[in-house]
Amino acid sequence: MPHLIPIGLESAVISDPDIMSGAPCFAGTRVPLETFLDYIGSGASLERFLQGFPSVTRKQALVVLEWETAQAKAAVGLHFFA
């Protein structure tokens, strides 16, 4: 079953039941978003991730990182600060 993609991520992430069973993936790839988040969460650099998954563009990865940062800021009430 496809997942809903949040506003702000539509340009970088898709969910298609025919690709990785509908898991959210970077658009145009079969690389799950979860893989990226696990890499970054474990302390790996963006560069290391991009080297390991060359089908993901830097722009796509930055869209996800910027969205995640905005979500974290909003969660603690910092969404009014740039």
PDB file of N, CA and C in Angstrom:
ATOM      1  N   MET A   1       0.846  -1.180   0.000  1.00  0.00           N
ATOM      2  CA  MET A   1       0.000   0.000   0.000  1.00  0.00           C
ATOM      3  C   MET A   1       0.891   1.242   0.000  1.00  0.00           C
ATOM      4  N   PRO A   2       0.645   2.185  -0.895  1.00  0.00           N
ATOM      5  CA  PRO A   2       1.477   3.388  -0.936  1.00  0.00           C
ATOM      6  C   PRO A   2       1.260   4.257   0.301  1.00  0.00           C
ATOM      7  N   HIS A   3       2.286   4.963   0.656  1.00  0.00           N
ATOM      8  CA  HIS A   3       2.246   5.889   1.782  1.00  0.00           C
ATOM      9  C   HIS A   3       1.960   7.291   1.277  1.00  0.00           C
ATOM     10  N   LEU A   4       1.335   8.103   2.104  1.00  0.00           N
ATOM     11  CA  LEU A   4       1.155   9.510   1.764  1.00  0.00           C
ATOM     12  C   LEU A   4       2.489  10.215   1.914  1.00  0.00           C
ATOM     13  N   ILE A   5       2.843  11.005   0.939  1.00  0.00           N
ATOM     14  CA  ILE A   5       4.088  11.765   0.988  1.00  0.00           C
ATOM     15  C   ILE A   5       3.747  13.160   1.491  1.00  0.00           C
ATOM     16  N   PRO A   6       4.377  13.602   2.579  1.00  0.00           N
ATOM     17  CA  PRO A   6       4.080  14.923   3.134  1.00  0.00           C
ATOM     18  C   PRO A   6       4.397  16.058   2.162  1.00  0.00           C
ATOM     19  N   ILE A   7       3.634  17.139   2.302  1.00  0.00           N
ATOM     20  CA  ILE A   7       3.903  18.343   1.523  1.00  0.00           C
ATOM     21  C   ILE A   7       5.327  18.787   1.829  1.00  0.00           C
ATOM     22  N   GLY A   8       6.052  19.109   0.793  1.00  0.00           N
ATOM     23  CA  GLY A   8       7.443  19.514   0.933  1.00  0.00           C
ATOM     24  C   GLY A   8       8.412  18.439   0.481  1.00  0.00           C
ATOM     25  N   LEU A   9       7.922  17.201   0.434  1.00  0.00           N
ATOM     26  CA  LEU A   9       8.798  16.103   0.000  1.00  0.00           C
ATOM     27  C   LEU A   9       8.427  15.554  -1.375  1.00  0.00           C
ATOM     28  N   GLU A  10       7.339  16.063  -1.957  1.00  0.00           N
ATOM     29  CA  GLU A  10       6.844  15.494  -3.215  1.00  0.00           C
ATOM     30  C   GLU A  10       7.852  15.540  -4.352  1.00  0.00           C
ATOM     31  N   SER A  11       8.760  16.493  -4.330  1.00  0.00           N
ATOM     32  CA  SER A  11       9.740  16.593  -5.415  1.00  0.00           C
ATOM     33  C   SER A  11      10.871  15.578  -5.259  1.00  0.00           C
ATOM     34  N   ALA A  12      11.016  15.002  -4.082  1.00  0.00           N
ATOM     35  CA  ALA A  12      12.153  14.117  -3.828  1.00  0.00           C
ATOM     36  C   ALA A  12      11.767  12.679  -3.518  1.00  0.00           C
ATOM     37  N   VAL A  13      10.546  12.461  -3.036  1.00  0.00           N
ATOM     38  CA  VAL A  13      10.157  11.143  -2.535  1.00  0.00           C
ATOM     39  C   VAL A  13       8.847  10.702  -3.181  1.00  0.00           C
ATOM     40  N   ILE A  14       8.771   9.410  -3.491  1.00  0.00           N
ATOM     41  CA  ILE A  14       7.547   8.823  -4.032  1.00  0.00           C
ATOM     42  C   ILE A  14       7.186   7.577  -3.232  1.00  0.00           C
ATOM     43  N   SER A  15       5.951   7.153  -3.367  1.00  0.00           N
ATOM     44  CA  SER A  15       5.505   5.875  -2.839  1.00  0.00           C
ATOM     45  C   SER A  15       4.644   5.238  -3.910  1.00  0.00           C
ATOM     46  N   ASP A  16       5.152   4.174  -4.483  1.00  0.00           N
ATOM     47  CA  ASP A  16       4.477   3.488  -5.586  1.00  0.00           C
ATOM     48  C   ASP A  16       4.410   2.003  -5.232  1.00  0.00           C
ATOM     49  N   PRO A  17       3.223   1.410  -5.251  1.00  0.00           N
ATOM     50  CA  PRO A  17       3.121  -0.001  -4.881  1.00  0.00           C
ATOM     51  C   PRO A  17       3.964  -0.931  -5.756  1.00  0.00           C
ATOM     52  N   ASP A  18       4.340  -0.470  -6.946  1.00  0.00           N
ATOM     53  CA  ASP A  18       5.167  -1.282  -7.842  1.00  0.00           C
ATOM     54  C   ASP A  18       6.661  -1.109  -7.593  1.00  0.00           C
ATOM     55  N   ILE A  19       7.021  -0.212  -6.690  1.00  0.00           N
ATOM     56  CA  ILE A  19       8.438   0.026  -6.377  1.00  0.00           C
ATOM     57  C   ILE A  19       8.637  -0.218  -4.893  1.00  0.00           C
ATOM     58  N   MET A  20       9.438  -1.205  -4.555  1.00  0.00           N
ATOM     59  CA  MET A  20       9.768  -1.530  -3.161  1.00  0.00           C
ATOM     60  C   MET A  20       8.502  -1.680  -2.304  1.00  0.00           C
ATOM     61  N   SER A  21       7.488  -2.303  -2.882  1.00  0.00           N
ATOM     62  CA  SER A  21       6.216  -2.578  -2.186  1.00  0.00           C
ATOM     63  C   SER A  21       5.556  -1.330  -1.609  1.00  0.00           C
ATOM     64  N   GLY A  22       5.809  -0.179  -2.228  1.00  0.00           N
ATOM     65  CA  GLY A  22       5.176   1.057  -1.791  1.00  0.00           C
ATOM     66  C   GLY A  22       5.919   1.816  -0.708  1.00  0.00           C
ATOM     67  N   ALA A  23       7.071   1.308  -0.275  1.00  0.00           N
ATOM     68  CA  ALA A  23       7.862   2.032   0.724  1.00  0.00           C
ATOM     69  C   ALA A  23       8.282   3.376   0.137  1.00  0.00           C
ATOM     70  N   PRO A  24       8.265   4.439   0.931  1.00  0.00           N
ATOM     71  CA  PRO A  24       8.729   5.733   0.416  1.00  0.00           C
ATOM     72  C   PRO A  24      10.179   5.623  -0.069  1.00  0.00           C
ATOM     73  N   CYS A  25      10.402   6.020  -1.319  1.00  0.00           N
ATOM     74  CA  CYS A  25      11.734   5.956  -1.942  1.00  0.00           C
ATOM     75  C   CYS A  25      12.056   7.301  -2.586  1.00  0.00           C
ATOM     76  N   PHE A  26      13.327   7.523  -2.806  1.00  0.00           N
ATOM     77  CA  PHE A  26      13.716   8.706  -3.566  1.00  0.00           C
ATOM     78  C   PHE A  26      13.180   8.549  -4.984  1.00  0.00           C
ATOM     79  N   ALA A  27      12.577   9.602  -5.505  1.00  0.00           N
ATOM     80  CA  ALA A  27      11.976   9.577  -6.837  1.00  0.00           C
ATOM     81  C   ALA A  27      12.993   9.149  -7.887  1.00  0.00           C
ATOM     82  N   GLY A  28      12.566   8.263  -8.766  1.00  0.00           N
ATOM     83  CA  GLY A  28      13.427   7.794  -9.849  1.00  0.00           C
ATOM     84  C   GLY A  28      14.431   6.741  -9.422  1.00  0.00           C
ATOM     85  N   THR A  29      14.313   6.258  -8.178  1.00  0.00           N
ATOM     86  CA  THR A  29      15.236   5.246  -7.668  1.00  0.00           C
ATOM     87  C   THR A  29      14.447   4.152  -6.957  1.00  0.00           C
ATOM     88  N   ARG A  30      15.173   3.162  -6.475  1.00  0.00           N
ATOM     89  CA  ARG A  30      14.614   2.131  -5.618  1.00  0.00           C
ATOM     90  C   ARG A  30      15.249   2.229  -4.231  1.00  0.00           C
ATOM     91  N   VAL A  31      15.738   3.399  -3.898  1.00  0.00           N
ATOM     92  CA  VAL A  31      16.407   3.621  -2.611  1.00  0.00           C
ATOM     93  C   VAL A  31      15.374   4.109  -1.591  1.00  0.00           C
ATOM     94  N   PRO A  32      15.086   3.287  -0.582  1.00  0.00           N
ATOM     95  CA  PRO A  32      14.106   3.686   0.421  1.00  0.00           C
ATOM     96  C   PRO A  32      14.564   4.877   1.254  1.00  0.00           C
ATOM     97  N   LEU A  33      13.633   5.730   1.574  1.00  0.00           N
ATOM     98  CA  LEU A  33      13.909   6.870   2.437  1.00  0.00           C
ATOM     99  C   LEU A  33      14.444   6.386   3.784  1.00  0.00           C
ATOM    100  N   GLU A  34      13.944   5.267   4.265  1.00  0.00           N
ATOM    101  CA  GLU A  34      14.392   4.710   5.542  1.00  0.00           C
ATOM    102  C   GLU A  34      15.893   4.422   5.531  1.00  0.00           C
ATOM    103  N   THR A  35      16.411   3.967   4.401  1.00  0.00           N
ATOM    104  CA  THR A  35      17.845   3.698   4.292  1.00  0.00           C
ATOM    105  C   THR A  35      18.640   4.979   4.502  1.00  0.00           C
ATOM    106  N   PHE A  36      18.198   6.057   3.868  1.00  0.00           N
ATOM    107  CA  PHE A  36      18.857   7.356   4.016  1.00  0.00           C
ATOM    108  C   PHE A  36      18.820   7.814   5.476  1.00  0.00           C
ATOM    109  N   LEU A  37      17.636   7.746   6.087  1.00  0.00           N
ATOM    110  CA  LEU A  37      17.493   8.196   7.469  1.00  0.00           C
ATOM    111  C   LEU A  37      18.336   7.348   8.415  1.00  0.00           C
ATOM    112  N   ASP A  38      18.438   6.053   8.148  1.00  0.00           N
ATOM    113  CA  ASP A  38      19.286   5.183   8.962  1.00  0.00           C
ATOM    114  C   ASP A  38      20.760   5.560   8.816  1.00  0.00           C
ATOM    115  N   TYR A  39      21.189   5.839   7.594  1.00  0.00           N
ATOM    116  CA  TYR A  39      22.579   6.252   7.351  1.00  0.00           C
ATOM    117  C   TYR A  39      22.897   7.527   8.130  1.00  0.00           C
ATOM    118  N   ILE A  40      22.072   8.542   7.941  1.00  0.00           N
ATOM    119  CA  ILE A  40      22.314   9.829   8.580  1.00  0.00           C
ATOM    120  C   ILE A  40      22.194   9.700  10.100  1.00  0.00           C
ATOM    121  N   GLY A  41      21.221   8.939  10.546  1.00  0.00           N
ATOM    122  CA  GLY A  41      21.018   8.736  11.975  1.00  0.00           C
ATOM    123  C   GLY A  41      22.163   8.013  12.648  1.00  0.00           C
ATOM    124  N   SER A  42      22.888   7.205  11.894  1.00  0.00           N
ATOM    125  CA  SER A  42      24.021   6.471  12.459  1.00  0.00           C
ATOM    126  C   SER A  42      25.297   7.305  12.467  1.00  0.00           C
ATOM    127  N   GLY A  43      25.208   8.531  11.943  1.00  0.00           N
ATOM    128  CA  GLY A  43      26.381   9.406  11.936  1.00  0.00           C
ATOM    129  C   GLY A  43      27.143   9.434  10.627  1.00  0.00           C
ATOM    130  N   ALA A  44      26.666   8.685   9.634  1.00  0.00           N
ATOM    131  CA  ALA A  44      27.327   8.705   8.324  1.00  0.00           C
ATOM    132  C   ALA A  44      27.099  10.071   7.675  1.00  0.00           C
ATOM    133  N   SER A  45      28.059  10.491   6.895  1.00  0.00           N
ATOM    134  CA  SER A  45      27.951  11.787   6.216  1.00  0.00           C
ATOM    135  C   SER A  45      27.052  11.688   4.989  1.00  0.00           C
ATOM    136  N   LEU A  46      26.556  12.834   4.584  1.00  0.00           N
ATOM    137  CA  LEU A  46      25.779  12.903   3.352  1.00  0.00           C
ATOM    138  C   LEU A  46      26.626  12.411   2.182  1.00  0.00           C
ATOM    139  N   GLU A  47      27.882  12.790   2.168  1.00  0.00           N
ATOM    140  CA  GLU A  47      28.784  12.374   1.082  1.00  0.00           C
ATOM    141  C   GLU A  47      28.885  10.850   1.007  1.00  0.00           C
ATOM    142  N   ARG A  48      29.003  10.214   2.162  1.00  0.00           N
ATOM    143  CA  ARG A  48      29.117   8.748   2.176  1.00  0.00           C
ATOM    144  C   ARG A  48      27.846   8.116   1.625  1.00  0.00           C
ATOM    145  N   PHE A  49      26.703   8.634   2.040  1.00  0.00           N
ATOM    146  CA  PHE A  49      25.447   8.106   1.519  1.00  0.00           C
ATOM    147  C   PHE A  49      25.381   8.261   0.005  1.00  0.00           C
ATOM    148  N   LEU A  50      25.667   9.453  -0.490  1.00  0.00           N
ATOM    149  CA  LEU A  50      25.581   9.709  -1.935  1.00  0.00           C
ATOM    150  C   LEU A  50      26.562   8.852  -2.726  1.00  0.00           C
ATOM    151  N   GLN A  51      27.730   8.571  -2.160  1.00  0.00           N
ATOM    152  CA  GLN A  51      28.683   7.682  -2.834  1.00  0.00           C
ATOM    153  C   GLN A  51      28.139   6.257  -2.920  1.00  0.00           C
ATOM    154  N   GLY A  52      27.456   5.826  -1.861  1.00  0.00           N
ATOM    155  CA  GLY A  52      26.914   4.472  -1.831  1.00  0.00           C
ATOM    156  C   GLY A  52      25.637   4.306  -2.645  1.00  0.00           C
ATOM    157  N   PHE A  53      24.939   5.412  -2.869  1.00  0.00           N
ATOM    158  CA  PHE A  53      23.668   5.379  -3.596  1.00  0.00           C
ATOM    159  C   PHE A  53      23.670   6.474  -4.661  1.00  0.00           C
ATOM    160  N   PRO A  54      24.454   6.288  -5.719  1.00  0.00           N
ATOM    161  CA  PRO A  54      24.615   7.347  -6.720  1.00  0.00           C
ATOM    162  C   PRO A  54      23.355   7.695  -7.506  1.00  0.00           C
ATOM    163  N   SER A  55      22.311   6.875  -7.418  1.00  0.00           N
ATOM    164  CA  SER A  55      21.072   7.216  -8.120  1.00  0.00           C
ATOM    165  C   SER A  55      20.293   8.314  -7.394  1.00  0.00           C
ATOM    166  N   VAL A  56      20.624   8.565  -6.129  1.00  0.00           N
ATOM    167  CA  VAL A  56      19.989   9.643  -5.369  1.00  0.00           C
ATOM    168  C   VAL A  56      20.792  10.920  -5.613  1.00  0.00           C
ATOM    169  N   THR A  57      20.101  11.994  -5.952  1.00  0.00           N
ATOM    170  CA  THR A  57      20.799  13.251  -6.200  1.00  0.00           C
ATOM    171  C   THR A  57      21.009  14.012  -4.885  1.00  0.00           C
ATOM    172  N   ARG A  58      22.006  14.859  -4.888  1.00  0.00           N
ATOM    173  CA  ARG A  58      22.261  15.719  -3.727  1.00  0.00           C
ATOM    174  C   ARG A  58      21.022  16.564  -3.430  1.00  0.00           C
ATOM    175  N   LYS A  59      20.375  17.079  -4.467  1.00  0.00           N
ATOM    176  CA  LYS A  59      19.193  17.914  -4.288  1.00  0.00           C
ATOM    177  C   LYS A  59      18.091  17.139  -3.566  1.00  0.00           C
ATOM    178  N   GLN A  60      17.855  15.885  -3.962  1.00  0.00           N
ATOM    179  CA  GLN A  60      16.840  15.071  -3.301  1.00  0.00           C
ATOM    180  C   GLN A  60      17.171  14.887  -1.823  1.00  0.00           C
ATOM    181  N   ALA A  61      18.410  14.562  -1.531  1.00  0.00           N
ATOM    182  CA  ALA A  61      18.823  14.336  -0.143  1.00  0.00           C
ATOM    183  C   ALA A  61      18.682  15.613   0.677  1.00  0.00           C
ATOM    184  N   LEU A  62      19.034  16.748   0.099  1.00  0.00           N
ATOM    185  CA  LEU A  62      18.921  18.008   0.823  1.00  0.00           C
ATOM    186  C   LEU A  62      17.469  18.387   1.076  1.00  0.00           C
ATOM    187  N   VAL A  63      16.576  18.082   0.142  1.00  0.00           N
ATOM    188  CA  VAL A  63      15.153  18.338   0.360  1.00  0.00           C
ATOM    189  C   VAL A  63      14.688  17.575   1.597  1.00  0.00           C
ATOM    190  N   VAL A  64      15.086  16.323   1.715  1.00  0.00           N
ATOM    191  CA  VAL A  64      14.681  15.510   2.866  1.00  0.00           C
ATOM    192  C   VAL A  64      15.291  16.069   4.148  1.00  0.00           C
ATOM    193  N   LEU A  65      16.565  16.412   4.128  1.00  0.00           N
ATOM    194  CA  LEU A  65      17.207  16.957   5.329  1.00  0.00           C
ATOM    195  C   LEU A  65      16.570  18.275   5.753  1.00  0.00           C
ATOM    196  N   GLU A  66      16.270  19.130   4.803  1.00  0.00           N
ATOM    197  CA  GLU A  66      15.637  20.411   5.124  1.00  0.00           C
ATOM    198  C   GLU A  66      14.239  20.186   5.694  1.00  0.00           C
ATOM    199  N   TRP A  67      13.497  19.233   5.141  1.00  0.00           N
ATOM    200  CA  TRP A  67      12.156  18.932   5.646  1.00  0.00           C
ATOM    201  C   TRP A  67      12.249  18.391   7.071  1.00  0.00           C
ATOM    202  N   GLU A  68      13.170  17.476   7.299  1.00  0.00           N
ATOM    203  CA  GLU A  68      13.354  16.897   8.631  1.00  0.00           C
ATOM    204  C   GLU A  68      13.726  17.978   9.644  1.00  0.00           C
ATOM    205  N   THR A  69      14.592  18.891   9.262  1.00  0.00           N
ATOM    206  CA  THR A  69      14.996  19.982  10.147  1.00  0.00           C
ATOM    207  C   THR A  69      13.796  20.865  10.481  1.00  0.00           C
ATOM    208  N   ALA A  70      12.998  21.189   9.477  1.00  0.00           N
ATOM    209  CA  ALA A  70      11.816  22.020   9.706  1.00  0.00           C
ATOM    210  C   ALA A  70      10.837  21.318  10.642  1.00  0.00           C
ATOM    211  N   GLN A  71      10.675  20.005  10.484  1.00  0.00           N
ATOM    212  CA  GLN A  71       9.776  19.247  11.357  1.00  0.00           C
ATOM    213  C   GLN A  71      10.279  19.247  12.798  1.00  0.00           C
ATOM    214  N   ALA A  72      11.573  19.072  12.974  1.00  0.00           N
ATOM    215  CA  ALA A  72      12.151  19.078  14.323  1.00  0.00           C
ATOM    216  C   ALA A  72      11.998  20.451  14.972  1.00  0.00           C
ATOM    217  N   LYS A  73      12.241  21.516  14.213  1.00  0.00           N
ATOM    218  CA  LYS A  73      12.085  22.873  14.745  1.00  0.00           C
ATOM    219  C   LYS A  73      10.634  23.121  15.157  1.00  0.00           C
ATOM    220  N   ALA A  74       9.706  22.739  14.319  1.00  0.00           N
ATOM    221  CA  ALA A  74       8.295  22.945  14.616  1.00  0.00           C
ATOM    222  C   ALA A  74       7.884  22.154  15.863  1.00  0.00           C
ATOM    223  N   ALA A  75       8.439  20.971  16.029  1.00  0.00           N
ATOM    224  CA  ALA A  75       8.073  20.125  17.165  1.00  0.00           C
ATOM    225  C   ALA A  75       8.454  20.753  18.505  1.00  0.00           C
ATOM    226  N   VAL A  76       9.498  21.570  18.503  1.00  0.00           N
ATOM    227  CA  VAL A  76       9.942  22.198  19.762  1.00  0.00           C
ATOM    228  C   VAL A  76       9.636  23.691  19.787  1.00  0.00           C
ATOM    229  N   GLY A  77       8.822  24.130  18.849  1.00  0.00           N
ATOM    230  CA  GLY A  77       8.385  25.514  18.845  1.00  0.00           C
ATOM    231  C   GLY A  77       9.365  26.514  18.261  1.00  0.00           C
ATOM    232  N   LEU A  78      10.270  26.058  17.435  1.00  0.00           N
ATOM    233  CA  LEU A  78      11.248  26.959  16.817  1.00  0.00           C
ATOM    234  C   LEU A  78      10.909  27.300  15.384  1.00  0.00           C
ATOM    235  N   HIS A  79       9.716  26.973  14.936  1.00  0.00           N
ATOM    236  CA  HIS A  79       9.363  27.177  13.530  1.00  0.00           C
ATOM    237  C   HIS A  79       9.255  28.640  13.137  1.00  0.00           C
ATOM    238  N   PHE A  80       9.285  29.552  14.093  1.00  0.00           N
ATOM    239  CA  PHE A  80       9.222  30.980  13.763  1.00  0.00           C
ATOM    240  C   PHE A  80      10.597  31.565  13.493  1.00  0.00           C
ATOM    241  N   PHE A  81      11.637  30.796  13.785  1.00  0.00           N
ATOM    242  CA  PHE A  81      12.995  31.296  13.602  1.00  0.00           C
ATOM    243  C   PHE A  81      13.604  30.704  12.354  1.00  0.00           C
ATOM    244  N   ALA A  82      14.342  31.512  11.632  1.00  0.00           N
ATOM    245  CA  ALA A  82      14.984  31.022  10.407  1.00  0.00           C
ATOM    246  C   ALA A  82      16.337  30.456  10.727  1.00  0.00           C
TER     247      ALA A  82
END
